């Protein structure tokens, strides 16, 4: 985290900025009341797969967030944990000392 942004960081920032401007343009010409009634007037931007998407904040709060643990309810990357552990060289629990938790 931190440091000089990579080229990928810069590309992602531009993609997010373009989408934000497009969302703002969708509200051009609407009255305050029309904007207030639109659930997308309070939205969060994110990346799902290869797409930059908006979602209404209300749905994010009510349906997609586990507030107790402050995590998404659906964490697709958890299925990849074993692969990440293997590739990173992290020892398996069975290879660790039960007393101190360090690798045997």
PDB file of N, CA and C in Angstrom:
ATOM      1  N   UNK A   1       0.840  -1.180   0.000  1.00  0.00           N
ATOM      2  CA  UNK A   1       0.000   0.000   0.000  1.00  0.00           C
ATOM      3  C   UNK A   1       0.882   1.239   0.000  1.00  0.00           C
ATOM      4  N   UNK A   2       0.424   2.226  -0.716  1.00  0.00           N
ATOM      5  CA  UNK A   2       1.173   3.467  -0.773  1.00  0.00           C
ATOM      6  C   UNK A   2       2.224   3.423  -1.867  1.00  0.00           C
ATOM      7  N   UNK A   3       3.058   4.414  -1.893  1.00  0.00           N
ATOM      8  CA  UNK A   3       4.101   4.468  -2.910  1.00  0.00           C
ATOM      9  C   UNK A   3       3.585   5.053  -4.216  1.00  0.00           C
ATOM     10  N   UNK A   4       4.394   4.903  -5.232  1.00  0.00           N
ATOM     11  CA  UNK A   4       4.064   5.418  -6.553  1.00  0.00           C
ATOM     12  C   UNK A   4       3.014   4.538  -7.217  1.00  0.00           C
ATOM     13  N   UNK A   5       1.960   5.125  -7.755  1.00  0.00           N
ATOM     14  CA  UNK A   5       0.932   4.316  -8.423  1.00  0.00           C
ATOM     15  C   UNK A   5       1.503   3.585  -9.635  1.00  0.00           C
ATOM     16  N   UNK A   6       1.103   2.349  -9.791  1.00  0.00           N
ATOM     17  CA  UNK A   6       1.534   1.564 -10.948  1.00  0.00           C
ATOM     18  C   UNK A   6       0.720   1.993 -12.169  1.00  0.00           C
ATOM     19  N   UNK A   7       1.153   1.599 -13.358  1.00  0.00           N
ATOM     20  CA  UNK A   7       0.333   1.888 -14.539  1.00  0.00           C
ATOM     21  C   UNK A   7      -1.083   1.316 -14.403  1.00  0.00           C
ATOM     22  N   UNK A   8      -1.210   0.135 -13.806  1.00  0.00           N
ATOM     23  CA  UNK A   8      -2.528  -0.468 -13.610  1.00  0.00           C
ATOM     24  C   UNK A   8      -3.382   0.386 -12.665  1.00  0.00           C
ATOM     25  N   UNK A   9      -2.774   0.930 -11.617  1.00  0.00           N
ATOM     26  CA  UNK A   9      -3.491   1.820 -10.697  1.00  0.00           C
ATOM     27  C   UNK A   9      -4.026   3.042 -11.445  1.00  0.00           C
ATOM     28  N   UNK A  10      -3.211   3.582 -12.323  1.00  0.00           N
ATOM     29  CA  UNK A  10      -3.605   4.776 -13.071  1.00  0.00           C
ATOM     30  C   UNK A  10      -4.745   4.473 -14.048  1.00  0.00           C
ATOM     31  N   UNK A  11      -4.658   3.324 -14.715  1.00  0.00           N
ATOM     32  CA  UNK A  11      -5.720   2.922 -15.634  1.00  0.00           C
ATOM     33  C   UNK A  11      -7.021   2.717 -14.866  1.00  0.00           C
ATOM     34  N   UNK A  12      -6.937   2.045 -13.731  1.00  0.00           N
ATOM     35  CA  UNK A  12      -8.135   1.806 -12.915  1.00  0.00           C
ATOM     36  C   UNK A  12      -8.737   3.127 -12.444  1.00  0.00           C
ATOM     37  N   UNK A  13      -7.903   4.083 -12.057  1.00  0.00           N
ATOM     38  CA  UNK A  13      -8.395   5.381 -11.597  1.00  0.00           C
ATOM     39  C   UNK A  13      -9.134   6.108 -12.719  1.00  0.00           C
ATOM     40  N   UNK A  14      -8.613   6.024 -13.926  1.00  0.00           N
ATOM     41  CA  UNK A  14      -9.285   6.668 -15.057  1.00  0.00           C
ATOM     42  C   UNK A  14     -10.622   5.991 -15.330  1.00  0.00           C
ATOM     43  N   UNK A  15     -10.651   4.651 -15.313  1.00  0.00           N
ATOM     44  CA  UNK A  15     -11.909   3.930 -15.548  1.00  0.00           C
ATOM     45  C   UNK A  15     -12.961   4.322 -14.516  1.00  0.00           C
ATOM     46  N   UNK A  16     -12.566   4.409 -13.245  1.00  0.00           N
ATOM     47  CA  UNK A  16     -13.498   4.788 -12.186  1.00  0.00           C
ATOM     48  C   UNK A  16     -13.975   6.231 -12.371  1.00  0.00           C
ATOM     49  N   UNK A  17     -13.063   7.120 -12.714  1.00  0.00           N
ATOM     50  CA  UNK A  17     -13.428   8.533 -12.900  1.00  0.00           C
ATOM     51  C   UNK A  17     -14.403   8.705 -14.061  1.00  0.00           C
ATOM     52  N   UNK A  18     -14.163   8.005 -15.168  1.00  0.00           N
ATOM     53  CA  UNK A  18     -15.061   8.094 -16.324  1.00  0.00           C
ATOM     54  C   UNK A  18     -16.454   7.617 -15.938  1.00  0.00           C
ATOM     55  N   UNK A  19     -16.536   6.493 -15.220  1.00  0.00           N
ATOM     56  CA  UNK A  19     -17.846   5.968 -14.800  1.00  0.00           C
ATOM     57  C   UNK A  19     -18.560   6.957 -13.884  1.00  0.00           C
ATOM     58  N   UNK A  20     -17.816   7.596 -12.993  1.00  0.00           N
ATOM     59  CA  UNK A  20     -18.427   8.570 -12.082  1.00  0.00           C
ATOM     60  C   UNK A  20     -19.012   9.750 -12.844  1.00  0.00           C
ATOM     61  N   UNK A  21     -18.278  10.244 -13.828  1.00  0.00           N
ATOM     62  CA  UNK A  21     -18.777  11.360 -14.627  1.00  0.00           C
ATOM     63  C   UNK A  21     -20.018  10.921 -15.404  1.00  0.00           C
ATOM     64  N   UNK A  22     -20.005   9.699 -15.947  1.00  0.00           N
ATOM     65  CA  UNK A  22     -21.176   9.196 -16.664  1.00  0.00           C
ATOM     66  C   UNK A  22     -22.400   9.129 -15.748  1.00  0.00           C
ATOM     67  N   UNK A  23     -22.203   8.703 -14.508  1.00  0.00           N
ATOM     68  CA  UNK A  23     -23.328   8.654 -13.560  1.00  0.00           C
ATOM     69  C   UNK A  23     -23.861  10.056 -13.293  1.00  0.00           C
ATOM     70  N   UNK A  24     -22.958  11.004 -13.095  1.00  0.00           N
ATOM     71  CA  UNK A  24     -23.390  12.386 -12.868  1.00  0.00           C
ATOM     72  C   UNK A  24     -24.174  12.920 -14.070  1.00  0.00           C
ATOM     73  N   UNK A  25     -23.727  12.572 -15.269  1.00  0.00           N
ATOM     74  CA  UNK A  25     -24.426  13.028 -16.474  1.00  0.00           C
ATOM     75  C   UNK A  25     -25.841  12.466 -16.552  1.00  0.00           C
ATOM     76  N   UNK A  26     -26.067  11.288 -15.982  1.00  0.00           N
ATOM     77  CA  UNK A  26     -27.410  10.691 -15.977  1.00  0.00           C
ATOM     78  C   UNK A  26     -28.417  11.549 -15.209  1.00  0.00           C
ATOM     79  N   UNK A  27     -27.930  12.375 -14.297  1.00  0.00           N
ATOM     80  CA  UNK A  27     -28.818  13.201 -13.490  1.00  0.00           C
ATOM     81  C   UNK A  27     -29.028  14.596 -14.081  1.00  0.00           C
ATOM     82  N   UNK A  28     -28.348  14.901 -15.175  1.00  0.00           N
ATOM     83  CA  UNK A  28     -28.489  16.216 -15.809  1.00  0.00           C
ATOM     84  C   UNK A  28     -29.934  16.417 -16.252  1.00  0.00           C
ATOM     85  N   UNK A  29     -30.468  17.582 -15.941  1.00  0.00           N
ATOM     86  CA  UNK A  29     -31.825  17.917 -16.353  1.00  0.00           C
ATOM     87  C   UNK A  29     -32.908  17.413 -15.417  1.00  0.00           C
ATOM     88  N   UNK A  30     -32.546  16.669 -14.384  1.00  0.00           N
ATOM     89  CA  UNK A  30     -33.553  16.175 -13.435  1.00  0.00           C
ATOM     90  C   UNK A  30     -33.714  17.180 -12.288  1.00  0.00           C
ATOM     91  N   UNK A  31     -34.889  17.184 -11.710  1.00  0.00           N
ATOM     92  CA  UNK A  31     -35.140  18.076 -10.572  1.00  0.00           C
ATOM     93  C   UNK A  31     -34.529  17.464  -9.307  1.00  0.00           C
ATOM     94  N   UNK A  32     -34.445  18.270  -8.265  1.00  0.00           N
ATOM     95  CA  UNK A  32     -33.938  17.773  -6.979  1.00  0.00           C
ATOM     96  C   UNK A  32     -34.759  16.594  -6.482  1.00  0.00           C
ATOM     97  N   UNK A  33     -36.073  16.692  -6.643  1.00  0.00           N
ATOM     98  CA  UNK A  33     -36.962  15.624  -6.180  1.00  0.00           C
ATOM     99  C   UNK A  33     -36.740  14.331  -6.971  1.00  0.00           C
ATOM    100  N   UNK A  34     -36.567  14.469  -8.282  1.00  0.00           N
ATOM    101  CA  UNK A  34     -36.312  13.279  -9.112  1.00  0.00           C
ATOM    102  C   UNK A  34     -34.998  12.616  -8.717  1.00  0.00           C
ATOM    103  N   UNK A  35     -34.004  13.436  -8.448  1.00  0.00           N
ATOM    104  CA  UNK A  35     -32.703  12.892  -8.037  1.00  0.00           C
ATOM    105  C   UNK A  35     -32.834  12.211  -6.682  1.00  0.00           C
ATOM    106  N   UNK A  36     -33.536  12.850  -5.741  1.00  0.00           N
ATOM    107  CA  UNK A  36     -33.693  12.281  -4.398  1.00  0.00           C
ATOM    108  C   UNK A  36     -34.435  10.951  -4.428  1.00  0.00           C
ATOM    109  N   UNK A  37     -35.350  10.785  -5.365  1.00  0.00           N
ATOM    110  CA  UNK A  37     -36.120   9.542  -5.454  1.00  0.00           C
ATOM    111  C   UNK A  37     -35.348   8.406  -6.117  1.00  0.00           C
ATOM    112  N   UNK A  38     -34.315   8.737  -6.848  1.00  0.00           N
ATOM    113  CA  UNK A  38     -33.533   7.738  -7.575  1.00  0.00           C
ATOM    114  C   UNK A  38     -32.551   7.058  -6.620  1.00  0.00           C
ATOM    115  N   UNK A  39     -32.638   5.724  -6.475  1.00  0.00           N
ATOM    116  CA  UNK A  39     -31.744   5.013  -5.542  1.00  0.00           C
ATOM    117  C   UNK A  39     -30.278   5.125  -5.950  1.00  0.00           C
ATOM    118  N   UNK A  40     -30.027   5.412  -7.216  1.00  0.00           N
ATOM    119  CA  UNK A  40     -28.643   5.537  -7.678  1.00  0.00           C
ATOM    120  C   UNK A  40     -28.047   6.914  -7.393  1.00  0.00           C
ATOM    121  N   UNK A  41     -28.829   7.819  -6.783  1.00  0.00           N
ATOM    122  CA  UNK A  41     -28.271   9.118  -6.425  1.00  0.00           C
ATOM    123  C   UNK A  41     -27.340   9.003  -5.220  1.00  0.00           C
ATOM    124  N   UNK A  42     -27.432   7.898  -4.507  1.00  0.00           N
ATOM    125  CA  UNK A  42     -26.504   7.587  -3.416  1.00  0.00           C
ATOM    126  C   UNK A  42     -25.957   6.204  -3.743  1.00  0.00           C
ATOM    127  N   UNK A  43     -24.821   6.186  -4.426  1.00  0.00           N
ATOM    128  CA  UNK A  43     -24.308   4.927  -4.949  1.00  0.00           C
ATOM    129  C   UNK A  43     -22.849   4.737  -4.571  1.00  0.00           C
ATOM    130  N   UNK A  44     -22.419   3.495  -4.683  1.00  0.00           N
ATOM    131  CA  UNK A  44     -21.023   3.157  -4.447  1.00  0.00           C
ATOM    132  C   UNK A  44     -20.498   2.527  -5.730  1.00  0.00           C
ATOM    133  N   UNK A  45     -19.255   2.839  -6.051  1.00  0.00           N
ATOM    134  CA  UNK A  45     -18.641   2.308  -7.266  1.00  0.00           C
ATOM    135  C   UNK A  45     -17.680   1.190  -6.879  1.00  0.00           C
ATOM    136  N   UNK A  46     -17.589   0.204  -7.739  1.00  0.00           N
ATOM    137  CA  UNK A  46     -16.676  -0.894  -7.470  1.00  0.00           C
ATOM    138  C   UNK A  46     -16.344  -1.644  -8.747  1.00  0.00           C
ATOM    139  N   UNK A  47     -15.510  -2.641  -8.599  1.00  0.00           N
ATOM    140  CA  UNK A  47     -15.128  -3.477  -9.727  1.00  0.00           C
ATOM    141  C   UNK A  47     -15.591  -4.889  -9.424  1.00  0.00           C
ATOM    142  N   UNK A  48     -16.415  -5.426 -10.312  1.00  0.00           N
ATOM    143  CA  UNK A  48     -16.870  -6.811 -10.195  1.00  0.00           C
ATOM    144  C   UNK A  48     -16.424  -7.529 -11.454  1.00  0.00           C
ATOM    145  N   UNK A  49     -15.551  -8.500 -11.265  1.00  0.00           N
ATOM    146  CA  UNK A  49     -14.976  -9.164 -12.430  1.00  0.00           C
ATOM    147  C   UNK A  49     -14.143  -8.158 -13.189  1.00  0.00           C
ATOM    148  N   UNK A  50     -14.461  -7.973 -14.456  1.00  0.00           N
ATOM    149  CA  UNK A  50     -13.734  -7.012 -15.282  1.00  0.00           C
ATOM    150  C   UNK A  50     -14.525  -5.732 -15.498  1.00  0.00           C
ATOM    151  N   UNK A  51     -15.657  -5.594 -14.829  1.00  0.00           N
ATOM    152  CA  UNK A  51     -16.538  -4.448 -15.064  1.00  0.00           C
ATOM    153  C   UNK A  51     -16.511  -3.456 -13.909  1.00  0.00           C
ATOM    154  N   UNK A  52     -16.581  -2.181 -14.257  1.00  0.00           N
ATOM    155  CA  UNK A  52     -16.755  -1.124 -13.269  1.00  0.00           C
ATOM    156  C   UNK A  52     -18.260  -0.939 -13.125  1.00  0.00           C
ATOM    157  N   UNK A  53     -18.757  -1.087 -11.903  1.00  0.00           N
ATOM    158  CA  UNK A  53     -20.200  -1.054 -11.685  1.00  0.00           C
ATOM    159  C   UNK A  53     -20.567  -0.140 -10.518  1.00  0.00           C
ATOM    160  N   UNK A  54     -21.785   0.375 -10.587  1.00  0.00           N
ATOM    161  CA  UNK A  54     -22.362   1.121  -9.474  1.00  0.00           C
ATOM    162  C   UNK A  54     -23.425   0.258  -8.821  1.00  0.00           C
ATOM    163  N   UNK A  55     -23.595   0.443  -7.544  1.00  0.00           N
ATOM    164  CA  UNK A  55     -24.685  -0.205  -6.837  1.00  0.00           C
ATOM    165  C   UNK A  55     -25.278   0.792  -5.863  1.00  0.00           C
ATOM    166  N   UNK A  56     -26.569   0.706  -5.659  1.00  0.00           N
ATOM    167  CA  UNK A  56     -27.185   1.625  -4.701  1.00  0.00           C
ATOM    168  C   UNK A  56     -26.658   1.371  -3.282  1.00  0.00           C
ATOM    169  N   UNK A  57     -26.363   2.410  -2.587  1.00  0.00           N
ATOM    170  CA  UNK A  57     -25.825   2.299  -1.229  1.00  0.00           C
ATOM    171  C   UNK A  57     -26.771   1.530  -0.317  1.00  0.00           C
ATOM    172  N   UNK A  58     -28.056   1.736  -0.503  1.00  0.00           N
ATOM    173  CA  UNK A  58     -29.047   1.066   0.346  1.00  0.00           C
ATOM    174  C   UNK A  58     -28.931  -0.457   0.214  1.00  0.00           C
ATOM    175  N   UNK A  59     -28.769  -0.956  -1.028  1.00  0.00           N
ATOM    176  CA  UNK A  59     -28.630  -2.397  -1.237  1.00  0.00           C
ATOM    177  C   UNK A  59     -27.332  -2.908  -0.620  1.00  0.00           C
ATOM    178  N   UNK A  60     -26.271  -2.139  -0.774  1.00  0.00           N
ATOM    179  CA  UNK A  60     -24.986  -2.516  -0.193  1.00  0.00           C
ATOM    180  C   UNK A  60     -25.114  -2.662   1.321  1.00  0.00           C
ATOM    181  N   UNK A  61     -25.787  -1.704   1.945  1.00  0.00           N
ATOM    182  CA  UNK A  61     -25.944  -1.729   3.403  1.00  0.00           C
ATOM    183  C   UNK A  61     -26.830  -2.871   3.874  1.00  0.00           C
ATOM    184  N   UNK A  62     -27.961  -3.070   3.193  1.00  0.00           N
ATOM    185  CA  UNK A  62     -28.948  -4.038   3.667  1.00  0.00           C
ATOM    186  C   UNK A  62     -28.681  -5.472   3.227  1.00  0.00           C
ATOM    187  N   UNK A  63     -28.177  -5.669   2.016  1.00  0.00           N
ATOM    188  CA  UNK A  63     -28.105  -7.013   1.448  1.00  0.00           C
ATOM    189  C   UNK A  63     -26.697  -7.578   1.281  1.00  0.00           C
ATOM    190  N   UNK A  64     -25.700  -6.716   1.107  1.00  0.00           N
ATOM    191  CA  UNK A  64     -24.394  -7.228   0.715  1.00  0.00           C
ATOM    192  C   UNK A  64     -23.326  -7.127   1.794  1.00  0.00           C
ATOM    193  N   UNK A  65     -23.618  -6.482   2.924  1.00  0.00           N
ATOM    194  CA  UNK A  65     -22.592  -6.244   3.932  1.00  0.00           C
ATOM    195  C   UNK A  65     -22.909  -6.957   5.235  1.00  0.00           C
ATOM    196  N   UNK A  66     -21.912  -7.663   5.750  1.00  0.00           N
ATOM    197  CA  UNK A  66     -21.983  -8.266   7.077  1.00  0.00           C
ATOM    198  C   UNK A  66     -21.406  -7.215   8.031  1.00  0.00           C
ATOM    199  N   UNK A  67     -22.288  -6.414   8.631  1.00  0.00           N
ATOM    200  CA  UNK A  67     -21.828  -5.293   9.439  1.00  0.00           C
ATOM    201  C   UNK A  67     -21.143  -5.737  10.727  1.00  0.00           C
ATOM    202  N   UNK A  68     -21.541  -6.869  11.268  1.00  0.00           N
ATOM    203  CA  UNK A  68     -20.919  -7.350  12.505  1.00  0.00           C
ATOM    204  C   UNK A  68     -19.414  -7.568  12.288  1.00  0.00           C
ATOM    205  N   UNK A  69     -19.070  -8.230  11.185  1.00  0.00           N
ATOM    206  CA  UNK A  69     -17.662  -8.511  10.896  1.00  0.00           C
ATOM    207  C   UNK A  69     -17.038  -7.523   9.914  1.00  0.00           C
ATOM    208  N   UNK A  70     -17.858  -6.557   9.465  1.00  0.00           N
ATOM    209  CA  UNK A  70     -17.391  -5.518   8.547  1.00  0.00           C
ATOM    210  C   UNK A  70     -16.743  -6.114   7.298  1.00  0.00           C
ATOM    211  N   UNK A  71     -17.507  -7.020   6.643  1.00  0.00           N
ATOM    212  CA  UNK A  71     -17.028  -7.709   5.447  1.00  0.00           C
ATOM    213  C   UNK A  71     -18.186  -7.876   4.475  1.00  0.00           C
ATOM    214  N   UNK A  72     -17.860  -8.153   3.233  1.00  0.00           N
ATOM    215  CA  UNK A  72     -18.931  -8.510   2.304  1.00  0.00           C
ATOM    216  C   UNK A  72     -19.527  -9.861   2.696  1.00  0.00           C
ATOM    217  N   UNK A  73     -20.806 -10.061   2.425  1.00  0.00           N
ATOM    218  CA  UNK A  73     -21.425 -11.348   2.726  1.00  0.00           C
ATOM    219  C   UNK A  73     -20.937 -12.432   1.777  1.00  0.00           C
ATOM    220  N   UNK A  74     -20.662 -12.070   0.533  1.00  0.00           N
ATOM    221  CA  UNK A  74     -20.166 -13.034  -0.455  1.00  0.00           C
ATOM    222  C   UNK A  74     -18.722 -12.682  -0.795  1.00  0.00           C
ATOM    223  N   UNK A  75     -17.804 -13.471  -0.297  1.00  0.00           N
ATOM    224  CA  UNK A  75     -16.387 -13.234  -0.547  1.00  0.00           C
ATOM    225  C   UNK A  75     -15.870 -14.324  -1.490  1.00  0.00           C
ATOM    226  N   UNK A  76     -15.908 -14.030  -2.781  1.00  0.00           N
ATOM    227  CA  UNK A  76     -15.536 -15.023  -3.775  1.00  0.00           C
ATOM    228  C   UNK A  76     -14.098 -15.496  -3.606  1.00  0.00           C
ATOM    229  N   UNK A  77     -13.234 -14.656  -3.084  1.00  0.00           N
ATOM    230  CA  UNK A  77     -11.826 -14.991  -2.995  1.00  0.00           C
ATOM    231  C   UNK A  77     -11.518 -16.021  -1.897  1.00  0.00           C
ATOM    232  N   UNK A  78     -12.461 -16.265  -0.980  1.00  0.00           N
ATOM    233  CA  UNK A  78     -12.196 -17.248   0.068  1.00  0.00           C
ATOM    234  C   UNK A  78     -11.961 -18.646  -0.504  1.00  0.00           C
ATOM    235  N   UNK A  79     -12.582 -18.927  -1.657  1.00  0.00           N
ATOM    236  CA  UNK A  79     -12.379 -20.223  -2.308  1.00  0.00           C
ATOM    237  C   UNK A  79     -10.930 -20.379  -2.766  1.00  0.00           C
ATOM    238  N   UNK A  80     -10.228 -19.279  -2.912  1.00  0.00           N
ATOM    239  CA  UNK A  80      -8.850 -19.302  -3.411  1.00  0.00           C
ATOM    240  C   UNK A  80      -7.811 -19.301  -2.291  1.00  0.00           C
ATOM    241  N   UNK A  81      -8.251 -19.322  -1.040  1.00  0.00           N
ATOM    242  CA  UNK A  81      -7.324 -19.219   0.088  1.00  0.00           C
ATOM    243  C   UNK A  81      -6.256 -20.308   0.071  1.00  0.00           C
ATOM    244  N   UNK A  82      -6.646 -21.547  -0.177  1.00  0.00           N
ATOM    245  CA  UNK A  82      -5.672 -22.647  -0.194  1.00  0.00           C
ATOM    246  C   UNK A  82      -4.635 -22.442  -1.291  1.00  0.00           C
ATOM    247  N   UNK A  83      -5.064 -21.960  -2.449  1.00  0.00           N
ATOM    248  CA  UNK A  83      -4.140 -21.702  -3.555  1.00  0.00           C
ATOM    249  C   UNK A  83      -3.164 -20.594  -3.177  1.00  0.00           C
ATOM    250  N   UNK A  84      -3.682 -19.527  -2.595  1.00  0.00           N
ATOM    251  CA  UNK A  84      -2.830 -18.414  -2.177  1.00  0.00           C
ATOM    252  C   UNK A  84      -1.832 -18.875  -1.118  1.00  0.00           C
ATOM    253  N   UNK A  85      -2.294 -19.657  -0.149  1.00  0.00           N
ATOM    254  CA  UNK A  85      -1.395 -20.168   0.889  1.00  0.00           C
ATOM    255  C   UNK A  85      -0.282 -21.011   0.283  1.00  0.00           C
ATOM    256  N   UNK A  86      -0.630 -21.861  -0.657  1.00  0.00           N
ATOM    257  CA  UNK A  86       0.374 -22.719  -1.300  1.00  0.00           C
ATOM    258  C   UNK A  86       1.379 -21.882  -2.084  1.00  0.00           C
ATOM    259  N   UNK A  87       0.891 -20.958  -2.899  1.00  0.00           N
ATOM    260  CA  UNK A  87       1.777 -20.136  -3.717  1.00  0.00           C
ATOM    261  C   UNK A  87       2.671 -19.228  -2.879  1.00  0.00           C
ATOM    262  N   UNK A  88       2.178 -18.792  -1.731  1.00  0.00           N
ATOM    263  CA  UNK A  88       2.967 -17.899  -0.879  1.00  0.00           C
ATOM    264  C   UNK A  88       3.917 -18.654   0.042  1.00  0.00           C
ATOM    265  N   UNK A  89       3.770 -19.986   0.071  1.00  0.00           N
ATOM    266  CA  UNK A  89       4.646 -20.782   0.934  1.00  0.00           C
ATOM    267  C   UNK A  89       4.201 -20.801   2.378  1.00  0.00           C
ATOM    268  N   UNK A  90       2.991 -20.352   2.651  1.00  0.00           N
ATOM    269  CA  UNK A  90       2.478 -20.352   4.012  1.00  0.00           C
ATOM    270  C   UNK A  90       2.294 -21.803   4.456  1.00  0.00           C
ATOM    271  N   UNK A  91       2.795 -22.165   5.630  1.00  0.00           N
ATOM    272  CA  UNK A  91       2.660 -23.557   6.073  1.00  0.00           C
ATOM    273  C   UNK A  91       1.210 -23.925   6.389  1.00  0.00           C
ATOM    274  N   UNK A  92       0.875 -25.189   6.177  1.00  0.00           N
ATOM    275  CA  UNK A  92      -0.456 -25.691   6.520  1.00  0.00           C
ATOM    276  C   UNK A  92      -0.554 -25.800   8.032  1.00  0.00           C
ATOM    277  N   UNK A  93      -1.770 -25.761   8.564  1.00  0.00           N
ATOM    278  CA  UNK A  93      -1.947 -25.889  10.015  1.00  0.00           C
ATOM    279  C   UNK A  93      -1.350 -27.190  10.519  1.00  0.00           C
ATOM    280  N   UNK A  94      -1.471 -28.254   9.718  1.00  0.00           N
ATOM    281  CA  UNK A  94      -0.951 -29.559  10.138  1.00  0.00           C
ATOM    282  C   UNK A  94       0.575 -29.564  10.226  1.00  0.00           C
ATOM    283  N   UNK A  95       1.221 -28.593   9.590  1.00  0.00           N
ATOM    284  CA  UNK A  95       2.693 -28.499   9.635  1.00  0.00           C
ATOM    285  C   UNK A  95       3.176 -27.571  10.737  1.00  0.00           C
ATOM    286  N   UNK A  96       2.258 -27.088  11.574  1.00  0.00           N
ATOM    287  CA  UNK A  96       2.608 -26.126  12.604  1.00  0.00           C
ATOM    288  C   UNK A  96       2.551 -26.743  13.990  1.00  0.00           C
ATOM    289  N   UNK A  97       3.364 -26.214  14.865  1.00  0.00           N
ATOM    290  CA  UNK A  97       3.395 -26.647  16.263  1.00  0.00           C
ATOM    291  C   UNK A  97       2.111 -26.206  16.952  1.00  0.00           C
ATOM    292  N   UNK A  98       1.453 -27.132  17.642  1.00  0.00           N
ATOM    293  CA  UNK A  98       0.190 -26.809  18.314  1.00  0.00           C
ATOM    294  C   UNK A  98       0.391 -25.840  19.470  1.00  0.00           C
ATOM    295  N   UNK A  99       1.560 -25.862  20.087  1.00  0.00           N
ATOM    296  CA  UNK A  99       1.823 -25.016  21.244  1.00  0.00           C
ATOM    297  C   UNK A  99       2.052 -23.560  20.854  1.00  0.00           C
ATOM    298  N   UNK A 100       2.967 -23.333  19.895  1.00  0.00           N
ATOM    299  CA  UNK A 100       3.310 -21.948  19.558  1.00  0.00           C
ATOM    300  C   UNK A 100       2.766 -21.495  18.225  1.00  0.00           C
ATOM    301  N   UNK A 101       2.323 -22.404  17.362  1.00  0.00           N
ATOM    302  CA  UNK A 101       1.756 -22.032  16.070  1.00  0.00           C
ATOM    303  C   UNK A 101       2.779 -21.834  14.970  1.00  0.00           C
ATOM    304  N   UNK A 102       4.069 -21.969  15.306  1.00  0.00           N
ATOM    305  CA  UNK A 102       5.126 -21.794  14.299  1.00  0.00           C
ATOM    306  C   UNK A 102       5.327 -23.090  13.525  1.00  0.00           C
ATOM    307  N   UNK A 103       5.893 -22.943  12.327  1.00  0.00           N
ATOM    308  CA  UNK A 103       6.181 -24.125  11.497  1.00  0.00           C
ATOM    309  C   UNK A 103       7.151 -25.049  12.229  1.00  0.00           C
ATOM    310  N   UNK A 104       6.901 -26.353  12.086  1.00  0.00           N
ATOM    311  CA  UNK A 104       7.765 -27.343  12.739  1.00  0.00           C
ATOM    312  C   UNK A 104       9.102 -27.418  12.066  1.00  0.00           C
TER     313      UNK A 104
END
